[in-house]
């Protein structure tokens, strides 16, 4: 009986080792790809009535976080309102920002249609991104339609 037990235990051990190795391989190949490392601080914005029948979208200052660990530098960013560009910025190719970047916007208030609902998002690309990415966005907000 002991003679049969040793080969049986050996076969069982090999079976467990093989199953463990197979499971580890499946888990490794099924792992999710690494996500982009670029992101921005919260993108905050809203709408206000600037004059009768004139509304404006206001965007608070924000910071674009650049993938410094990969030696990346900022290439560009664009602010969109409902998918339409409202501000586009390209960096100096001889000296691009290589660390977190807080733009001083030439304009923080953008034309808007009163009564319209908007979502503002920031699309940016640093040199470690294969394509431009949505770095952040606001929730939907509606411009006032009348002056109180």
N, C-alpha and C. Protein backbone atom coordinates (compact mmCIF):
# COMPACT_ATOMS: atom_id res chain seq x y z
N UNK A 1 0.82 -1.18 0.00
CA UNK A 1 0.00 0.00 0.00
C UNK A 1 0.87 1.26 0.00
N UNK A 2 2.00 1.23 0.75
CA UNK A 2 2.90 2.39 0.81
C UNK A 2 3.52 2.66 -0.55
N UNK A 3 3.80 1.58 -1.33
CA UNK A 3 4.39 1.75 -2.65
C UNK A 3 3.44 2.51 -3.58
N UNK A 4 2.16 2.31 -3.45
CA UNK A 4 1.19 3.00 -4.30
C UNK A 4 0.94 4.43 -3.83
N UNK A 5 1.10 4.67 -2.56
CA UNK A 5 0.83 5.99 -1.99
C UNK A 5 1.85 7.04 -2.45
N UNK A 6 3.13 6.67 -2.54
CA UNK A 6 4.18 7.61 -2.94
C UNK A 6 3.95 8.11 -4.37
N UNK A 7 3.75 7.24 -5.38
CA UNK A 7 3.50 7.76 -6.73
C UNK A 7 2.21 8.58 -6.81
N UNK A 8 1.21 8.17 -6.05
CA UNK A 8 -0.06 8.90 -6.05
C UNK A 8 0.12 10.30 -5.47
N UNK A 9 0.86 10.45 -4.40
CA UNK A 9 1.15 11.77 -3.81
C UNK A 9 2.00 12.61 -4.76
N UNK A 10 2.96 11.97 -5.42
CA UNK A 10 3.81 12.68 -6.38
C UNK A 10 2.96 13.20 -7.55
N UNK A 11 2.08 12.39 -8.08
CA UNK A 11 1.21 12.80 -9.18
C UNK A 11 0.29 13.93 -8.75
N UNK A 12 -0.27 13.83 -7.54
CA UNK A 12 -1.14 14.88 -7.02
C UNK A 12 -0.37 16.19 -6.86
N UNK A 13 0.87 16.13 -6.37
CA UNK A 13 1.70 17.33 -6.19
C UNK A 13 1.98 17.98 -7.53
N UNK A 14 2.29 17.17 -8.56
CA UNK A 14 2.55 17.71 -9.88
C UNK A 14 1.29 18.35 -10.47
N UNK A 15 0.16 17.74 -10.25
CA UNK A 15 -1.12 18.28 -10.73
C UNK A 15 -1.41 19.63 -10.08
N UNK A 16 -1.21 19.75 -8.79
CA UNK A 16 -1.43 21.02 -8.07
C UNK A 16 -0.46 22.09 -8.56
N UNK A 17 0.83 21.70 -8.74
CA UNK A 17 1.83 22.67 -9.21
C UNK A 17 1.48 23.15 -10.62
N UNK A 18 1.05 22.27 -11.49
CA UNK A 18 0.67 22.64 -12.85
C UNK A 18 -0.53 23.55 -12.88
N UNK A 19 -1.53 23.25 -12.07
CA UNK A 19 -2.74 24.08 -12.01
C UNK A 19 -2.40 25.47 -11.49
N UNK A 20 -1.53 25.55 -10.49
CA UNK A 20 -1.12 26.84 -9.93
C UNK A 20 -0.39 27.67 -10.98
N UNK A 21 0.52 27.02 -11.72
CA UNK A 21 1.27 27.73 -12.77
C UNK A 21 0.32 28.22 -13.86
N UNK A 22 -0.64 27.40 -14.26
CA UNK A 22 -1.60 27.78 -15.28
C UNK A 22 -2.46 28.96 -14.82
N UNK A 23 -2.92 28.92 -13.58
CA UNK A 23 -3.72 30.00 -13.04
C UNK A 23 -2.93 31.31 -13.01
N UNK A 24 -1.66 31.24 -12.63
CA UNK A 24 -0.82 32.43 -12.59
C UNK A 24 -0.64 33.01 -13.99
N UNK A 25 -0.48 32.16 -15.00
CA UNK A 25 -0.32 32.62 -16.38
C UNK A 25 -1.60 33.27 -16.87
N UNK A 26 -2.74 32.67 -16.60
CA UNK A 26 -4.02 33.24 -17.03
C UNK A 26 -4.23 34.59 -16.37
N UNK A 27 -3.93 34.70 -15.10
CA UNK A 27 -4.11 35.99 -14.40
C UNK A 27 -3.19 37.05 -14.97
N UNK A 28 -1.95 36.67 -15.30
CA UNK A 28 -0.99 37.64 -15.81
C UNK A 28 -1.41 38.17 -17.17
N UNK A 29 -1.83 37.28 -18.08
CA UNK A 29 -2.22 37.73 -19.42
C UNK A 29 -3.57 38.41 -19.42
N UNK A 30 -4.41 38.14 -18.43
CA UNK A 30 -5.72 38.76 -18.38
C UNK A 30 -5.72 40.08 -17.63
N UNK A 31 -4.55 40.54 -17.19
CA UNK A 31 -4.48 41.77 -16.43
C UNK A 31 -4.87 42.95 -17.31
N UNK A 32 -5.49 43.95 -16.72
CA UNK A 32 -5.90 45.14 -17.45
C UNK A 32 -4.67 45.93 -17.85
N UNK A 33 -4.70 46.55 -19.03
CA UNK A 33 -3.56 47.37 -19.43
C UNK A 33 -3.45 48.59 -18.53
N UNK A 34 -2.23 49.11 -18.44
CA UNK A 34 -2.03 50.29 -17.60
C UNK A 34 -2.81 51.46 -18.18
N UNK A 35 -3.43 52.22 -17.30
CA UNK A 35 -4.18 53.39 -17.73
C UNK A 35 -3.27 54.58 -17.92
N UNK A 36 -3.81 55.64 -18.49
CA UNK A 36 -3.00 56.85 -18.66
C UNK A 36 -2.64 57.43 -17.30
N UNK A 37 -1.48 58.05 -17.23
CA UNK A 37 -1.05 58.60 -15.96
C UNK A 37 -1.29 60.10 -15.86
N UNK A 38 -1.78 60.71 -16.91
CA UNK A 38 -2.07 62.13 -16.88
C UNK A 38 -3.47 62.40 -16.36
N UNK A 39 -3.62 63.45 -15.60
CA UNK A 39 -4.94 63.85 -15.11
C UNK A 39 -4.86 65.32 -14.71
N UNK A 40 -5.98 65.88 -14.36
CA UNK A 40 -6.03 67.28 -13.96
C UNK A 40 -6.74 67.40 -12.63
N UNK A 41 -6.51 68.53 -11.98
CA UNK A 41 -7.28 68.82 -10.77
C UNK A 41 -8.74 68.94 -11.20
N UNK A 42 -9.67 69.02 -10.27
CA UNK A 42 -11.08 69.13 -10.67
C UNK A 42 -11.30 70.30 -11.63
N UNK A 43 -12.12 70.03 -12.64
CA UNK A 43 -12.51 71.07 -13.59
C UNK A 43 -13.86 71.59 -13.11
N UNK A 44 -13.85 72.83 -12.63
CA UNK A 44 -15.05 73.44 -12.09
C UNK A 44 -15.48 74.60 -12.98
N UNK A 45 -16.76 74.66 -13.26
CA UNK A 45 -17.26 75.75 -14.09
C UNK A 45 -18.75 75.93 -13.87
N UNK A 46 -19.23 77.02 -14.34
CA UNK A 46 -20.65 77.32 -14.23
C UNK A 46 -21.00 78.43 -15.19
N UNK A 47 -22.23 78.88 -15.12
CA UNK A 47 -22.71 79.88 -16.06
C UNK A 47 -23.39 81.01 -15.30
N UNK A 48 -23.29 82.22 -15.84
CA UNK A 48 -23.94 83.36 -15.21
C UNK A 48 -24.44 84.31 -16.29
N UNK A 49 -25.37 85.19 -15.92
CA UNK A 49 -25.90 86.21 -16.83
C UNK A 49 -24.98 87.42 -16.72
N UNK A 50 -24.35 87.79 -17.85
CA UNK A 50 -23.44 88.93 -17.87
C UNK A 50 -24.18 90.23 -18.17
N UNK A 51 -25.21 90.14 -18.95
CA UNK A 51 -26.07 91.28 -19.30
C UNK A 51 -27.38 90.68 -19.80
N UNK A 52 -28.36 91.50 -20.03
CA UNK A 52 -29.64 90.97 -20.49
C UNK A 52 -29.45 90.18 -21.78
N UNK A 53 -29.81 88.90 -21.73
CA UNK A 53 -29.67 88.04 -22.91
C UNK A 53 -28.26 87.56 -23.21
N UNK A 54 -27.32 87.87 -22.32
CA UNK A 54 -25.92 87.47 -22.53
C UNK A 54 -25.45 86.62 -21.36
N UNK A 55 -25.10 85.37 -21.64
CA UNK A 55 -24.59 84.47 -20.60
C UNK A 55 -23.14 84.14 -20.88
N UNK A 56 -22.44 83.78 -19.81
CA UNK A 56 -21.02 83.42 -19.91
C UNK A 56 -20.76 82.17 -19.07
N UNK A 57 -19.88 81.32 -19.58
CA UNK A 57 -19.39 80.17 -18.82
C UNK A 57 -18.11 80.61 -18.13
N UNK A 58 -18.03 80.38 -16.83
CA UNK A 58 -16.83 80.69 -16.06
C UNK A 58 -16.12 79.38 -15.71
N UNK A 59 -14.81 79.33 -15.92
CA UNK A 59 -13.99 78.16 -15.57
C UNK A 59 -13.02 78.58 -14.47
N UNK A 60 -13.04 77.85 -13.35
CA UNK A 60 -12.09 78.12 -12.27
C UNK A 60 -10.69 77.66 -12.67
N UNK A 61 -9.64 78.23 -12.07
CA UNK A 61 -8.28 77.78 -12.35
C UNK A 61 -8.13 76.28 -12.08
N UNK A 62 -7.28 75.63 -12.83
CA UNK A 62 -7.05 74.18 -12.68
C UNK A 62 -5.58 73.88 -12.91
N UNK A 63 -5.18 72.68 -12.54
CA UNK A 63 -3.80 72.23 -12.73
C UNK A 63 -3.81 70.95 -13.54
N UNK A 64 -2.95 70.89 -14.56
CA UNK A 64 -2.78 69.68 -15.35
C UNK A 64 -1.58 68.94 -14.78
N UNK A 65 -1.79 67.70 -14.37
CA UNK A 65 -0.72 66.90 -13.80
C UNK A 65 -0.04 66.12 -14.93
N UNK A 66 1.25 66.34 -15.07
CA UNK A 66 2.03 65.74 -16.15
C UNK A 66 2.80 64.55 -15.60
N UNK A 67 2.96 63.51 -16.40
CA UNK A 67 3.65 62.29 -16.01
C UNK A 67 5.16 62.54 -15.93
N UNK A 68 5.57 63.21 -14.85
CA UNK A 68 6.99 63.56 -14.69
C UNK A 68 7.88 62.33 -14.59
N UNK A 69 7.36 61.26 -13.98
CA UNK A 69 8.15 60.04 -13.80
C UNK A 69 8.59 59.45 -15.13
N UNK A 70 7.82 59.66 -16.17
CA UNK A 70 8.16 59.13 -17.50
C UNK A 70 8.94 60.16 -18.31
N UNK A 71 9.27 61.30 -17.70
CA UNK A 71 10.00 62.35 -18.41
C UNK A 71 9.11 63.07 -19.43
N UNK A 72 7.81 63.05 -19.21
CA UNK A 72 6.87 63.64 -20.17
C UNK A 72 6.83 65.15 -20.06
N UNK A 73 6.33 65.77 -21.11
CA UNK A 73 6.09 67.21 -21.11
C UNK A 73 4.74 67.46 -21.77
N UNK A 74 4.11 68.55 -21.38
CA UNK A 74 2.79 68.89 -21.92
C UNK A 74 2.92 69.33 -23.37
N UNK A 75 2.06 68.78 -24.24
CA UNK A 75 2.05 69.19 -25.64
C UNK A 75 0.95 70.22 -25.89
N UNK A 76 -0.26 69.93 -25.39
CA UNK A 76 -1.36 70.87 -25.58
C UNK A 76 -2.54 70.51 -24.69
N UNK A 77 -3.48 71.45 -24.57
CA UNK A 77 -4.77 71.16 -23.96
C UNK A 77 -5.83 72.00 -24.63
N UNK A 78 -7.06 71.51 -24.59
CA UNK A 78 -8.20 72.21 -25.17
C UNK A 78 -9.38 72.08 -24.22
N UNK A 79 -10.08 73.17 -23.97
CA UNK A 79 -11.33 73.15 -23.22
C UNK A 79 -12.48 73.07 -24.22
N UNK A 80 -13.42 72.18 -23.94
CA UNK A 80 -14.59 72.00 -24.80
C UNK A 80 -15.85 72.27 -23.98
N UNK A 81 -16.84 72.87 -24.62
CA UNK A 81 -18.18 73.02 -24.04
C UNK A 81 -19.13 72.30 -24.98
N UNK A 82 -19.76 71.24 -24.49
CA UNK A 82 -20.65 70.41 -25.30
C UNK A 82 -19.96 69.92 -26.58
N UNK A 83 -18.69 69.59 -26.48
CA UNK A 83 -17.96 69.05 -27.62
C UNK A 83 -17.39 70.08 -28.57
N UNK A 84 -17.63 71.36 -28.31
CA UNK A 84 -17.10 72.43 -29.17
C UNK A 84 -15.94 73.11 -28.47
N UNK A 85 -14.80 73.28 -29.15
CA UNK A 85 -13.65 73.92 -28.50
C UNK A 85 -13.94 75.38 -28.16
N UNK A 86 -13.62 75.76 -26.91
CA UNK A 86 -13.78 77.15 -26.50
C UNK A 86 -12.44 77.78 -26.14
N UNK A 87 -11.41 76.94 -25.96
CA UNK A 87 -10.07 77.46 -25.65
C UNK A 87 -9.06 76.39 -26.03
N UNK A 88 -8.06 76.75 -26.80
CA UNK A 88 -7.05 75.78 -27.24
C UNK A 88 -5.67 76.36 -26.97
N UNK A 89 -4.80 75.56 -26.39
CA UNK A 89 -3.48 76.02 -25.97
C UNK A 89 -2.43 75.05 -26.44
N UNK A 90 -1.39 75.55 -27.09
CA UNK A 90 -0.25 74.73 -27.52
C UNK A 90 0.99 75.26 -26.80
N UNK A 91 1.87 74.34 -26.42
CA UNK A 91 3.06 74.76 -25.67
C UNK A 91 4.22 75.09 -26.61
N UNK A 92 5.19 75.78 -26.07
CA UNK A 92 6.42 76.13 -26.79
C UNK A 92 7.21 74.83 -26.99
N UNK A 93 7.49 74.46 -28.23
CA UNK A 93 8.16 73.18 -28.47
C UNK A 93 9.60 73.18 -28.00
N UNK A 94 10.20 74.36 -27.81
CA UNK A 94 11.59 74.40 -27.35
C UNK A 94 11.70 74.33 -25.82
N UNK A 95 10.61 74.61 -25.11
CA UNK A 95 10.65 74.60 -23.65
C UNK A 95 9.26 74.28 -23.09
N UNK A 96 8.74 73.07 -23.35
CA UNK A 96 7.40 72.74 -22.88
C UNK A 96 7.37 72.48 -21.38
N UNK A 97 6.22 72.68 -20.74
CA UNK A 97 6.10 72.38 -19.31
C UNK A 97 6.38 70.89 -19.04
N UNK A 98 7.27 70.61 -18.10
CA UNK A 98 7.64 69.23 -17.77
C UNK A 98 7.19 68.83 -16.36
N UNK A 99 6.44 69.71 -15.72
CA UNK A 99 5.92 69.44 -14.37
C UNK A 99 4.47 69.90 -14.36
N UNK A 100 3.80 69.67 -13.24
CA UNK A 100 2.40 70.09 -13.13
C UNK A 100 2.26 71.52 -13.62
N UNK A 101 1.22 71.76 -14.40
CA UNK A 101 1.07 73.04 -15.07
C UNK A 101 -0.28 73.65 -14.77
N UNK A 102 -0.28 74.88 -14.25
CA UNK A 102 -1.50 75.64 -13.99
C UNK A 102 -1.55 76.80 -14.97
N UNK A 103 -2.34 76.68 -16.02
CA UNK A 103 -2.35 77.74 -17.03
C UNK A 103 -2.97 79.02 -16.49
N UNK A 104 -2.42 80.14 -16.94
CA UNK A 104 -3.07 81.42 -16.66
C UNK A 104 -3.86 81.73 -17.93
N UNK A 105 -5.14 81.38 -17.89
CA UNK A 105 -5.99 81.52 -19.07
C UNK A 105 -6.07 82.98 -19.50
N UNK A 106 -5.97 83.19 -20.78
CA UNK A 106 -6.14 84.53 -21.33
C UNK A 106 -7.56 84.99 -21.03
N UNK A 107 -8.46 84.01 -20.98
CA UNK A 107 -9.87 84.31 -20.76
C UNK A 107 -10.44 83.20 -19.89
N UNK A 108 -11.14 83.54 -18.83
CA UNK A 108 -11.78 82.53 -17.98
C UNK A 108 -13.29 82.47 -18.20
N UNK A 109 -13.83 83.43 -18.90
CA UNK A 109 -15.27 83.47 -19.15
C UNK A 109 -15.51 83.38 -20.66
N UNK A 110 -16.37 82.46 -21.05
CA UNK A 110 -16.58 82.17 -22.45
C UNK A 110 -18.05 82.36 -22.81
N UNK A 111 -18.31 82.78 -24.03
CA UNK A 111 -19.67 83.02 -24.49
C UNK A 111 -20.52 81.76 -24.36
N UNK A 112 -21.76 81.95 -23.96
CA UNK A 112 -22.69 80.83 -23.80
C UNK A 112 -24.09 81.29 -24.17
N UNK A 113 -24.93 80.32 -24.45
CA UNK A 113 -26.32 80.62 -24.77
C UNK A 113 -27.16 80.48 -23.50
N UNK A 114 -27.90 81.53 -23.15
CA UNK A 114 -28.74 81.49 -21.95
C UNK A 114 -29.79 80.38 -22.09
N UNK A 115 -30.04 79.66 -21.01
CA UNK A 115 -31.01 78.57 -21.00
C UNK A 115 -30.45 77.24 -21.50
N UNK A 116 -29.26 77.23 -22.05
CA UNK A 116 -28.62 76.01 -22.58
C UNK A 116 -27.91 75.24 -21.47
N UNK A 117 -27.92 73.92 -21.54
CA UNK A 117 -27.19 73.07 -20.60
C UNK A 117 -25.83 72.72 -21.20
N UNK A 118 -24.78 72.79 -20.39
CA UNK A 118 -23.41 72.55 -20.86
C UNK A 118 -22.69 71.53 -19.99
N UNK A 119 -21.73 70.86 -20.61
CA UNK A 119 -20.71 70.06 -19.93
C UNK A 119 -19.39 70.55 -20.49
N UNK A 120 -18.47 70.94 -19.61
CA UNK A 120 -17.16 71.41 -20.03
C UNK A 120 -16.15 70.32 -19.71
N UNK A 121 -15.29 70.00 -20.68
CA UNK A 121 -14.24 69.03 -20.40
C UNK A 121 -12.90 69.52 -20.92
N UNK A 122 -11.86 68.99 -20.30
CA UNK A 122 -10.48 69.32 -20.62
C UNK A 122 -9.85 68.13 -21.30
N UNK A 123 -9.40 68.32 -22.53
CA UNK A 123 -8.68 67.28 -23.26
C UNK A 123 -7.24 67.75 -23.36
N UNK A 124 -6.31 66.89 -22.98
CA UNK A 124 -4.90 67.26 -22.99
C UNK A 124 -4.07 66.10 -23.50
N UNK A 125 -2.82 66.40 -23.82
CA UNK A 125 -1.89 65.37 -24.25
C UNK A 125 -0.50 65.74 -23.76
N UNK A 126 0.13 64.81 -23.04
CA UNK A 126 1.54 64.98 -22.76
C UNK A 126 2.29 63.94 -23.59
N UNK A 127 3.59 64.02 -23.62
CA UNK A 127 4.37 63.17 -24.52
C UNK A 127 4.30 61.69 -24.15
N UNK A 128 3.77 61.34 -22.97
CA UNK A 128 3.64 59.92 -22.63
C UNK A 128 2.28 59.36 -23.06
N UNK A 129 1.37 60.21 -23.53
CA UNK A 129 0.06 59.77 -24.00
C UNK A 129 0.14 59.45 -25.49
N UNK A 130 -0.45 58.31 -25.89
CA UNK A 130 -0.48 57.97 -27.32
C UNK A 130 -1.43 58.90 -28.07
N UNK A 131 -2.53 59.28 -27.42
CA UNK A 131 -3.55 60.14 -28.02
C UNK A 131 -4.01 61.16 -26.99
N UNK A 132 -4.66 62.23 -27.43
CA UNK A 132 -5.24 63.17 -26.46
C UNK A 132 -6.25 62.44 -25.58
N UNK A 133 -6.29 62.82 -24.30
CA UNK A 133 -7.16 62.17 -23.33
C UNK A 133 -8.05 63.20 -22.64
N UNK A 134 -9.23 62.75 -22.20
CA UNK A 134 -10.11 63.59 -21.41
C UNK A 134 -9.54 63.61 -19.98
N UNK A 135 -8.91 64.68 -19.60
CA UNK A 135 -8.26 64.78 -18.28
C UNK A 135 -9.24 65.14 -17.18
N UNK A 136 -10.42 65.65 -17.52
CA UNK A 136 -11.42 65.98 -16.50
C UNK A 136 -12.60 66.70 -17.12
N UNK A 137 -13.71 66.72 -16.39
CA UNK A 137 -14.88 67.44 -16.90
C UNK A 137 -15.82 67.82 -15.77
N UNK A 138 -16.67 68.80 -16.07
CA UNK A 138 -17.69 69.23 -15.11
C UNK A 138 -18.89 68.31 -15.25
N UNK A 139 -19.79 68.40 -14.29
CA UNK A 139 -21.11 67.81 -14.46
C UNK A 139 -21.91 68.76 -15.34
N UNK A 140 -23.08 68.35 -15.74
CA UNK A 140 -23.94 69.23 -16.56
C UNK A 140 -24.44 70.40 -15.72
N UNK A 141 -24.45 71.57 -16.30
CA UNK A 141 -25.02 72.76 -15.66
C UNK A 141 -25.79 73.55 -16.70
N UNK A 142 -26.81 74.27 -16.27
CA UNK A 142 -27.66 75.04 -17.18
C UNK A 142 -27.49 76.52 -16.92
N UNK A 143 -27.29 77.27 -18.00
CA UNK A 143 -27.19 78.72 -17.88
C UNK A 143 -28.57 79.28 -17.55
N UNK A 144 -28.62 80.31 -16.73
CA UNK A 144 -29.91 80.93 -16.43
C UNK A 144 -30.53 81.46 -17.73
N UNK A 145 -31.83 81.45 -17.78
CA UNK A 145 -32.49 81.96 -19.00
C UNK A 145 -32.98 83.39 -18.83
N UNK A 146 -33.11 83.83 -17.59
CA UNK A 146 -33.56 85.19 -17.33
C UNK A 146 -32.79 85.80 -16.16
N UNK A 147 -32.78 87.12 -16.13
CA UNK A 147 -32.16 87.81 -15.00
C UNK A 147 -33.19 87.85 -13.87
N UNK A 148 -32.82 87.48 -12.65
CA UNK A 148 -33.79 87.48 -11.54
C UNK A 148 -34.26 88.88 -11.20
